Amino acid sequence: MVLNYIWIAFFLIALVIATVRLVFMGDVEVFPAMMNSTFDSSKTAFEISLGLTGVLSLWLGIMKIGEKGGVVNVLAKVLSPVFTRLFPDIPKGHPVTGSIFMNVAANMLGLDNAATPLGLRAMEQLQELNTKKDTATNPMIMFLVLNTSGLTLIPVSIMVYRAQMGAAQPTDIFVPILLATFFSTLAGIVVTSIYQRINLLNRTMLLTLGGMSAVVAGIIWGFAQMDKAQMNVVSTSVANILLMLIIVVFILAGMRKKLNVYDAFIEGAKEGFTTAVRIIPYLVAILVGIGVFRASGAMDMLIDGIKWLVSTLGGNTDFVGALPTAFMKPLSGSGARGMMVDAMTTYGADSFVGRLACVFQGSTDTTFYILAVYFGSVGIRYTRHAVACGLLADLAGVVAAIAICYMFF
């Protein structure tokens, strides 16, 4: 419903502003520009979706090999000591623990099709432990925050969109997204633990979070020693090497399981083709709405207003053009994706704004959508501190994304 209101608002605000420009400023070009934008945006949306088919099929095929090869199960075992401390209210050995592990591991690998069913199953099992069926429990909220903070190791779809939009190195946002999503997830865990009075000062959590923080700090320190050109070369090279290693590891895992990796790849690739076709209407809808909003001059007014405010406060305004993606992301994944594509179309895929919009897209997840789907599936009406924790994690991701992109780009 939120996206419905936003989509309607795009057209109504655009109509009001265009009418004012026509009546009071004599701008006779504004309405033709708005109508032209509908045709141009529709064409762009279809071309993007069509171009996505091949790359999505490739990556979802690789992901299917990893899924069937047991990579998700391995990640679940690795995460086990940490998760037993993040969910102290879940009885030891309860089957929901496995579902949570599997969901988080699938999200980290970008396996959206696998992650959502696993997440819904985990929520159903958590509801079985819930003594107050209409109110979210602490484990439910921690589970939701881990999902909304968007921890993802392989931002496949974003790299695919960058390739479609003509980026010279579609993978150059890999390391920045990895860093930004780490800060988002860390903030979500800390804030939720404070609300729920979970003690993070134990050996396992300190070693895990401290170790991860030290690695991230080391990465940031290492890149800080380089100039921007060298930084771009190193981060792109590292990203490509890691992605190639992931492909090889997934294939080797499949071979170890005596899996027919070719058939597994074909199965996943079919899902990629279906996914590419399925997103066409959504992409057309959101890009047309954004196109009309931009052609009316409303987007420029919004961006200029924020730029004026940031400039008045003495800040650098280079990041402002990418903010619509950050504003939209907690509300709608498809809406934020449209904003990201619009930013790359308007400013260029390799521009600072284009790259920052991609990092915004990858650093957090659709908080309100996830809350609605997961809580709605089990009839939760009172979400307690879930929204506050989710949005604070989003804010941490946005701030981290801006700082990291200034460093890298």
Protein backbone atom coordinates (compact mmCIF):
# COMPACT_ATOMS: atom_id res chain seq x y z
CA MET A 1 0.00 0.00 0.00
CA VAL A 2 2.86 2.39 0.74
CA LEU A 3 4.20 2.07 -2.80
CA ASN A 4 0.66 2.65 -4.12
CA TYR A 5 0.48 6.01 -2.35
CA ILE A 6 3.98 6.97 -3.45
CA TRP A 7 3.20 6.10 -7.08
CA ILE A 8 -0.01 8.16 -7.03
CA ALA A 9 1.86 11.03 -5.36
CA PHE A 10 4.43 11.08 -8.20
CA PHE A 11 1.68 11.84 -10.73
CA LEU A 12 -0.41 14.22 -8.60
CA ILE A 13 2.58 16.32 -7.48
CA ALA A 14 3.91 16.36 -11.05
CA LEU A 15 0.50 17.55 -12.34
CA VAL A 16 0.28 20.36 -9.77
CA ILE A 17 3.82 21.61 -10.41
CA ALA A 18 3.44 21.36 -14.19
CA THR A 19 0.16 23.30 -14.02
CA VAL A 20 1.79 26.04 -11.96
CA ARG A 21 4.67 26.25 -14.45
CA LEU A 22 2.24 26.47 -17.36
CA VAL A 23 -0.20 29.00 -15.84
CA PHE A 24 2.15 31.28 -13.94
CA MET A 25 5.44 30.87 -15.82
CA GLY A 26 4.16 30.29 -19.36
CA ASP A 27 6.14 27.05 -19.71
CA VAL A 28 4.39 25.35 -22.63
CA GLU A 29 7.05 22.62 -22.86
CA VAL A 30 6.41 21.01 -19.50
CA PHE A 31 3.40 18.83 -20.43
CA PRO A 32 4.94 17.57 -23.70
CA ALA A 33 8.10 16.77 -21.72
CA MET A 34 6.09 14.79 -19.18
CA MET A 35 4.32 12.77 -21.85
CA ASN A 36 7.57 12.11 -23.72
CA SER A 37 9.08 10.88 -20.46
CA THR A 38 6.36 8.22 -20.15
CA PHE A 39 7.30 6.72 -23.51
CA ASP A 40 11.05 7.04 -22.92
CA SER A 41 10.83 5.54 -19.42
CA SER A 42 8.71 2.61 -20.61
CA LYS A 43 11.22 1.85 -23.34
CA THR A 44 14.14 2.11 -20.91
CA ALA A 45 12.43 -0.21 -18.40
CA PHE A 46 11.82 -2.88 -21.04
CA GLU A 47 15.34 -2.65 -22.45
CA ILE A 48 16.82 -2.99 -18.96
CA SER A 49 14.65 -6.00 -18.15
CA LEU A 50 15.48 -7.63 -21.47
CA GLY A 51 19.18 -7.10 -20.92
CA LEU A 52 18.94 -8.50 -17.40
CA THR A 53 17.80 -11.89 -18.64
CA GLY A 54 21.19 -13.31 -19.57
CA VAL A 55 23.14 -12.10 -16.54
CA LEU A 56 20.39 -12.99 -14.07
CA SER A 57 20.18 -16.45 -15.57
CA LEU A 58 23.94 -16.81 -15.18
CA TRP A 59 24.09 -15.78 -11.54
CA LEU A 60 20.95 -17.53 -10.36
CA GLY A 61 22.29 -20.65 -12.04
CA ILE A 62 25.55 -20.33 -10.08
CA MET A 63 23.61 -19.63 -6.88
CA LYS A 64 21.49 -22.74 -7.37
CA ILE A 65 24.68 -24.84 -7.57
CA GLY A 66 25.84 -23.31 -4.28
CA GLU A 67 22.47 -23.87 -2.65
CA LYS A 68 22.28 -27.54 -3.67
CA GLY A 69 25.99 -28.01 -3.00
CA GLY A 70 25.47 -27.32 0.70
CA VAL A 71 27.13 -23.90 0.92
CA VAL A 72 24.10 -22.53 2.80
CA ASN A 73 24.30 -25.38 5.31
CA VAL A 74 27.99 -24.71 5.91
CA LEU A 75 27.28 -21.03 6.60
CA ALA A 76 24.52 -22.05 9.01
CA LYS A 77 26.97 -24.16 11.02
CA VAL A 78 29.54 -21.36 11.08
CA LEU A 79 26.96 -18.89 12.39
CA SER A 80 25.56 -21.25 15.04
CA PRO A 81 27.62 -20.08 18.10
CA VAL A 82 26.75 -16.44 17.39
CA PHE A 83 23.05 -16.93 16.79
CA THR A 84 22.44 -18.91 19.99
CA ARG A 85 23.53 -15.76 21.86
CA LEU A 86 21.53 -13.34 19.73
CA PHE A 87 18.35 -15.39 20.34
CA PRO A 88 18.57 -16.37 24.03
CA ASP A 89 14.77 -16.83 24.32
CA ILE A 90 14.72 -19.70 21.82
CA PRO A 91 15.00 -23.11 23.53
CA LYS A 92 18.27 -24.87 22.78
CA GLY A 93 17.92 -27.32 19.92
CA HIS A 94 14.60 -25.92 18.69
CA PRO A 95 14.18 -26.41 14.89
CA VAL A 96 13.54 -22.68 14.35
CA THR A 97 17.27 -22.13 14.89
CA GLY A 98 18.04 -24.03 11.71
CA SER A 99 15.45 -22.05 9.73
CA ILE A 100 16.93 -18.75 10.96
CA PHE A 101 20.45 -19.88 10.05
CA MET A 102 19.32 -20.96 6.60
CA ASN A 103 17.43 -17.72 5.96
CA VAL A 104 20.31 -15.46 6.97
CA ALA A 105 22.85 -17.54 5.05
CA ALA A 106 20.62 -17.47 1.94
CA ASN A 107 20.30 -13.68 2.25
CA MET A 108 24.07 -13.32 2.55
CA LEU A 109 24.46 -15.24 -0.71
CA GLY A 110 21.75 -13.21 -2.44
CA LEU A 111 19.42 -16.23 -2.75
CA ASP A 112 16.19 -14.19 -2.48
CA ASN A 113 13.99 -16.97 -3.85
CA ALA A 114 15.28 -19.34 -1.19
CA ALA A 115 15.53 -16.77 1.62
CA THR A 116 11.89 -15.65 1.65
CA PRO A 117 10.30 -19.12 2.06
CA LEU A 118 12.90 -19.95 4.72
CA GLY A 119 12.15 -16.67 6.49
CA LEU A 120 8.41 -17.27 6.47
CA ARG A 121 8.97 -20.77 7.84
CA ALA A 122 11.19 -19.36 10.61
CA MET A 123 8.52 -16.79 11.50
CA GLU A 124 5.86 -19.52 11.71
CA GLN A 125 8.09 -21.52 14.06
CA LEU A 126 8.79 -18.43 16.18
CA GLN A 127 5.04 -17.83 16.39
CA GLU A 128 4.63 -21.34 17.83
CA LEU A 129 6.84 -20.20 20.75
CA ASN A 130 4.90 -16.95 21.12
CA THR A 131 2.56 -16.83 24.12
CA LYS A 132 0.95 -13.57 22.97
CA LYS A 133 0.01 -14.28 19.37
CA ASP A 134 -0.68 -10.70 18.22
CA THR A 135 2.56 -9.21 19.63
CA ALA A 136 6.09 -9.58 18.28
CA THR A 137 8.55 -11.42 20.52
CA ASN A 138 12.20 -10.48 21.04
CA PRO A 139 13.51 -13.29 18.76
CA MET A 140 11.04 -12.21 16.05
CA ILE A 141 12.30 -8.63 16.18
CA MET A 142 15.98 -9.61 16.15
CA PHE A 143 15.28 -11.91 13.20
CA LEU A 144 13.48 -9.11 11.34
CA VAL A 145 16.29 -6.61 11.98
CA LEU A 146 18.88 -9.06 10.64
CA ASN A 147 16.78 -9.23 7.47
CA THR A 148 16.08 -5.49 7.15
CA SER A 149 19.72 -4.50 7.73
CA GLY A 150 20.45 -6.20 4.41
CA LEU A 151 23.68 -8.11 5.09
CA THR A 152 24.60 -9.40 1.61
CA LEU A 153 27.92 -10.80 0.45
CA ILE A 154 27.09 -10.89 -3.26
CA PRO A 155 25.02 -7.93 -4.58
CA VAL A 156 24.33 -9.68 -7.89
CA SER A 157 21.32 -7.68 -9.06
CA ILE A 158 23.02 -4.31 -8.50
CA MET A 159 26.07 -5.35 -10.51
CA VAL A 160 23.74 -6.57 -13.25
CA TYR A 161 21.96 -3.21 -13.39
CA ARG A 162 25.29 -1.39 -13.53
CA ALA A 163 26.35 -3.57 -16.45
CA GLN A 164 23.08 -2.79 -18.22
CA MET A 165 23.53 0.93 -17.67
CA GLY A 166 26.98 0.87 -19.29
CA ALA A 167 29.28 1.00 -16.26
CA ALA A 168 32.94 0.53 -17.20
CA GLN A 169 33.45 -1.75 -14.16
CA PRO A 170 30.07 -3.00 -12.87
CA THR A 171 31.79 -4.63 -9.87
CA ASP A 172 33.47 -1.48 -8.55
CA ILE A 173 30.72 -1.04 -5.93
CA PHE A 174 31.28 -4.56 -4.49
CA VAL A 175 33.66 -3.58 -1.67
CA PRO A 176 31.82 -0.32 -0.76
CA ILE A 177 28.51 -2.22 -0.47
CA LEU A 178 30.18 -4.92 1.65
CA LEU A 179 31.49 -2.26 4.05
CA ALA A 180 28.24 -0.26 4.20
CA THR A 181 26.04 -3.30 4.78
CA PHE A 182 28.38 -4.41 7.57
CA PHE A 183 27.84 -1.13 9.43
CA SER A 184 24.09 -1.37 8.88
CA THR A 185 23.93 -4.91 10.27
CA LEU A 186 26.25 -4.11 13.19
CA ALA A 187 24.10 -1.09 14.13
CA GLY A 188 20.94 -3.20 13.90
CA ILE A 189 22.36 -5.89 16.18
CA VAL A 190 23.64 -3.38 18.76
CA VAL A 191 20.44 -1.29 18.86
CA THR A 192 18.17 -4.34 19.10
CA SER A 193 20.39 -5.88 21.79
CA ILE A 194 20.12 -2.67 23.83
CA TYR A 195 16.32 -2.75 23.54
CA GLN A 196 16.21 -6.43 24.48
CA ARG A 197 18.98 -6.25 27.10
CA ILE A 198 21.01 -8.92 25.36
CA ASN A 199 24.57 -9.07 26.65
CA LEU A 200 26.98 -8.68 23.74
CA LEU A 201 29.96 -8.55 26.09
CA ASN A 202 30.64 -12.28 26.06
CA ARG A 203 33.59 -14.09 24.55
CA THR A 204 31.83 -15.42 21.45
CA MET A 205 30.14 -12.12 20.49
CA LEU A 206 33.20 -10.02 21.27
CA LEU A 207 35.42 -12.28 19.17
CA THR A 208 32.91 -12.33 16.30
CA LEU A 209 31.88 -8.67 16.20
CA GLY A 210 35.33 -7.46 17.27
CA GLY A 211 37.01 -9.63 14.66
CA MET A 212 34.68 -8.48 11.90
CA SER A 213 35.10 -4.84 12.96
CA ALA A 214 38.88 -5.24 12.95
CA VAL A 215 38.80 -6.71 9.44
CA VAL A 216 36.59 -3.88 8.18
CA ALA A 217 38.78 -1.29 9.92
CA GLY A 218 41.82 -2.88 8.29
CA ILE A 219 40.18 -2.73 4.86
CA ILE A 220 39.27 0.93 5.34
CA TRP A 221 42.77 1.75 6.62
CA GLY A 222 44.38 -0.05 3.69
CA PHE A 223 42.29 1.77 1.11
CA ALA A 224 42.89 5.09 2.89
CA GLN A 225 46.60 4.72 2.05
CA MET A 226 45.82 4.76 -1.69
CA ASP A 227 44.82 7.51 -4.05
CA LYS A 228 41.38 7.22 -5.68
CA ALA A 229 42.68 5.77 -8.95
CA GLN A 230 44.66 3.05 -7.19
CA MET A 231 41.77 2.43 -4.81
CA ASN A 232 39.40 1.90 -7.73
CA VAL A 233 41.78 -0.55 -9.43
CA VAL A 234 42.39 -2.56 -6.24
CA SER A 235 38.73 -2.71 -5.15
CA THR A 236 37.60 -3.73 -8.65
CA SER A 237 40.32 -6.38 -8.88
CA VAL A 238 39.53 -7.77 -5.43
CA ALA A 239 35.81 -7.84 -6.25
CA ASN A 240 36.36 -9.72 -9.51
CA ILE A 241 38.76 -12.20 -7.90
CA LEU A 242 36.33 -12.87 -5.03
CA LEU A 243 33.41 -13.34 -7.39
CA MET A 244 35.41 -15.74 -9.54
CA LEU A 245 36.47 -17.67 -6.44
CA ILE A 246 32.84 -17.88 -5.32
CA ILE A 247 31.85 -19.37 -8.69
CA VAL A 248 34.64 -21.95 -8.50
CA VAL A 249 33.92 -22.79 -4.83
CA PHE A 250 30.21 -23.27 -5.58
CA ILE A 251 31.04 -25.60 -8.48
CA LEU A 252 33.54 -27.56 -6.36
CA ALA A 253 30.95 -27.82 -3.56
CA GLY A 254 28.48 -29.23 -6.07
CA MET A 255 31.05 -31.72 -7.35
CA ARG A 256 31.86 -32.79 -3.78
CA LYS A 257 28.16 -33.54 -3.25
CA LYS A 258 28.24 -35.53 -6.52
CA LEU A 259 25.71 -33.06 -7.88
CA ASN A 260 25.00 -32.70 -11.58
CA VAL A 261 26.19 -29.10 -11.57
CA TYR A 262 25.09 -28.52 -15.14
CA ASP A 263 21.48 -29.50 -14.39
CA ALA A 264 21.53 -27.43 -11.19
CA PHE A 265 22.79 -24.45 -13.17
CA ILE A 266 20.02 -24.87 -15.77
CA GLU A 267 17.40 -25.03 -13.00
CA GLY A 268 18.64 -21.77 -11.49
CA ALA A 269 19.04 -20.14 -14.90
CA LYS A 270 15.38 -20.84 -15.65
CA GLU A 271 14.49 -18.98 -12.47
CA GLY A 272 16.67 -16.09 -13.68
CA PHE A 273 14.74 -15.89 -16.94
CA THR A 274 11.42 -15.97 -15.06
CA THR A 275 12.61 -13.28 -12.66
CA ALA A 276 13.71 -10.97 -15.49
CA VAL A 277 10.31 -11.27 -17.17
CA ARG A 278 8.42 -10.86 -13.89
CA ILE A 279 10.02 -7.51 -13.02
CA ILE A 280 9.11 -5.83 -16.34
CA PRO A 281 5.73 -4.39 -15.24
CA TYR A 282 7.12 -3.26 -11.89
CA LEU A 283 10.08 -1.54 -13.49
CA VAL A 284 7.86 0.11 -16.13
CA ALA A 285 5.47 1.39 -13.46
CA ILE A 286 8.09 2.91 -11.18
CA LEU A 287 10.29 4.37 -13.94
CA VAL A 288 7.28 6.02 -15.62
CA GLY A 289 6.23 7.54 -12.29
CA ILE A 290 9.75 8.81 -11.58
CA GLY A 291 10.10 10.04 -15.17
CA VAL A 292 6.93 12.15 -14.94
CA PHE A 293 7.99 13.43 -11.51
CA ARG A 294 11.39 14.45 -12.88
CA ALA A 295 10.06 15.97 -16.14
CA SER A 296 7.64 18.18 -14.20
CA GLY A 297 10.56 19.73 -12.34
CA ALA A 298 9.47 18.28 -8.98
CA MET A 299 12.61 16.15 -8.59
CA ASP A 300 14.86 19.14 -9.26
CA MET A 301 12.94 21.16 -6.66
CA LEU A 302 13.36 18.39 -4.09
CA ILE A 303 17.07 17.93 -4.79
CA ASP A 304 17.74 21.68 -4.89
CA GLY A 305 15.92 22.13 -1.57
CA ILE A 306 18.04 19.48 0.12
CA LYS A 307 21.20 20.88 -1.50
CA TRP A 308 20.35 24.34 -0.16
CA LEU A 309 19.84 22.95 3.34
CA VAL A 310 23.08 20.93 3.29
CA SER A 311 25.00 23.86 1.81
CA THR A 312 23.59 26.23 4.45
CA LEU A 313 24.83 23.86 7.13
CA GLY A 314 28.28 23.92 5.49
CA GLY A 315 28.24 20.39 4.07
CA ASN A 316 29.30 18.96 0.72
CA THR A 317 26.29 18.46 -1.58
CA ASP A 318 27.67 15.88 -4.04
CA PHE A 319 25.71 13.06 -2.38
CA VAL A 320 22.28 14.72 -2.54
CA GLY A 321 21.35 13.46 -6.02
CA ALA A 322 21.42 9.86 -4.77
CA LEU A 323 19.23 10.46 -1.71
CA PRO A 324 15.91 9.52 -3.40
CA THR A 325 17.18 5.91 -3.52
CA ALA A 326 17.98 6.02 0.20
CA PHE A 327 14.57 7.54 1.02
CA MET A 328 12.72 4.92 -1.03
CA LYS A 329 14.64 1.80 0.08
CA PRO A 330 12.92 1.25 3.47
CA LEU A 331 9.53 1.54 1.72
CA SER A 332 9.93 -0.45 -1.49
CA GLY A 333 12.64 -2.53 -3.12
CA SER A 334 11.24 -2.01 -6.62
CA GLY A 335 10.78 1.71 -5.96
CA ALA A 336 14.37 2.07 -4.76
CA ARG A 337 15.57 0.04 -7.74
CA GLY A 338 13.74 2.49 -10.01
CA MET A 339 15.36 5.43 -8.22
CA MET A 340 18.77 3.78 -8.59
CA VAL A 341 18.27 3.24 -12.31
CA ASP A 342 17.00 6.82 -12.67
CA ALA A 343 20.11 8.14 -10.90
CA MET A 344 22.41 6.17 -13.22
CA THR A 345 20.38 7.28 -16.26
CA THR A 346 20.43 10.95 -15.23
CA TYR A 347 23.95 11.30 -13.85
CA GLY A 348 25.74 8.32 -15.46
CA ALA A 349 26.48 4.84 -14.14
CA ASP A 350 30.08 5.78 -13.30
CA SER A 351 29.24 9.15 -11.74
CA PHE A 352 29.55 9.67 -8.00
CA VAL A 353 25.77 9.90 -7.67
CA GLY A 354 25.22 6.78 -9.80
CA ARG A 355 27.63 4.72 -7.73
CA LEU A 356 26.32 6.08 -4.41
CA ALA A 357 22.75 5.20 -5.42
CA CYS A 358 23.93 1.62 -6.05
CA VAL A 359 25.61 1.46 -2.64
CA PHE A 360 22.44 2.83 -1.00
CA GLN A 361 20.48 0.09 -2.77
CA GLY A 362 22.83 -2.61 -1.48
CA SER A 363 23.53 -1.40 2.05
CA THR A 364 20.03 -1.94 3.55
CA ASP A 365 16.79 -3.76 2.78
CA THR A 366 13.10 -2.92 2.45
CA THR A 367 12.26 -2.50 6.13
CA PHE A 368 8.51 -1.85 5.91
CA TYR A 369 7.96 -4.48 3.21
CA ILE A 370 9.75 -7.17 5.22
CA LEU A 371 7.90 -6.20 8.39
CA ALA A 372 4.57 -6.34 6.55
CA VAL A 373 5.22 -9.71 4.87
CA TYR A 374 6.85 -11.55 7.78
CA PHE A 375 4.67 -10.21 10.59
CA GLY A 376 1.56 -10.31 8.41
CA SER A 377 2.14 -13.99 7.64
CA VAL A 378 1.63 -14.91 11.31
CA GLY A 379 -0.92 -12.24 12.31
CA ILE A 380 1.37 -9.97 14.35
CA ARG A 381 -0.32 -6.60 14.98
CA TYR A 382 1.92 -5.03 17.64
CA THR A 383 5.48 -4.77 16.37
CA ARG A 384 6.95 -3.14 19.51
CA HIS A 385 10.47 -1.81 18.77
CA ALA A 386 10.89 -3.56 15.39
CA VAL A 387 10.31 -0.45 13.27
CA ALA A 388 12.62 1.76 15.36
CA CYS A 389 15.45 -0.80 15.29
CA GLY A 390 15.02 -1.45 11.56
CA LEU A 391 15.05 2.25 10.66
CA LEU A 392 18.08 2.97 12.87
CA ALA A 393 19.94 0.17 11.06
CA ASP A 394 18.88 1.77 7.74
CA LEU A 395 20.15 5.16 8.89
CA ALA A 396 23.51 3.67 9.87
CA GLY A 397 23.74 2.06 6.42
CA VAL A 398 22.96 5.35 4.65
CA VAL A 399 25.52 7.34 6.66
CA ALA A 400 28.14 4.62 6.16
CA ALA A 401 27.40 4.47 2.41
CA ILE A 402 27.93 8.24 2.02
CA ALA A 403 31.20 8.21 3.97
CA ILE A 404 32.54 5.13 2.16
CA CYS A 405 31.64 6.46 -1.30
CA TYR A 406 33.43 9.76 -0.57
CA MET A 407 36.44 7.64 0.34
CA PHE A 408 36.30 5.37 -2.72
CA PHE A 409 34.94 7.57 -5.49
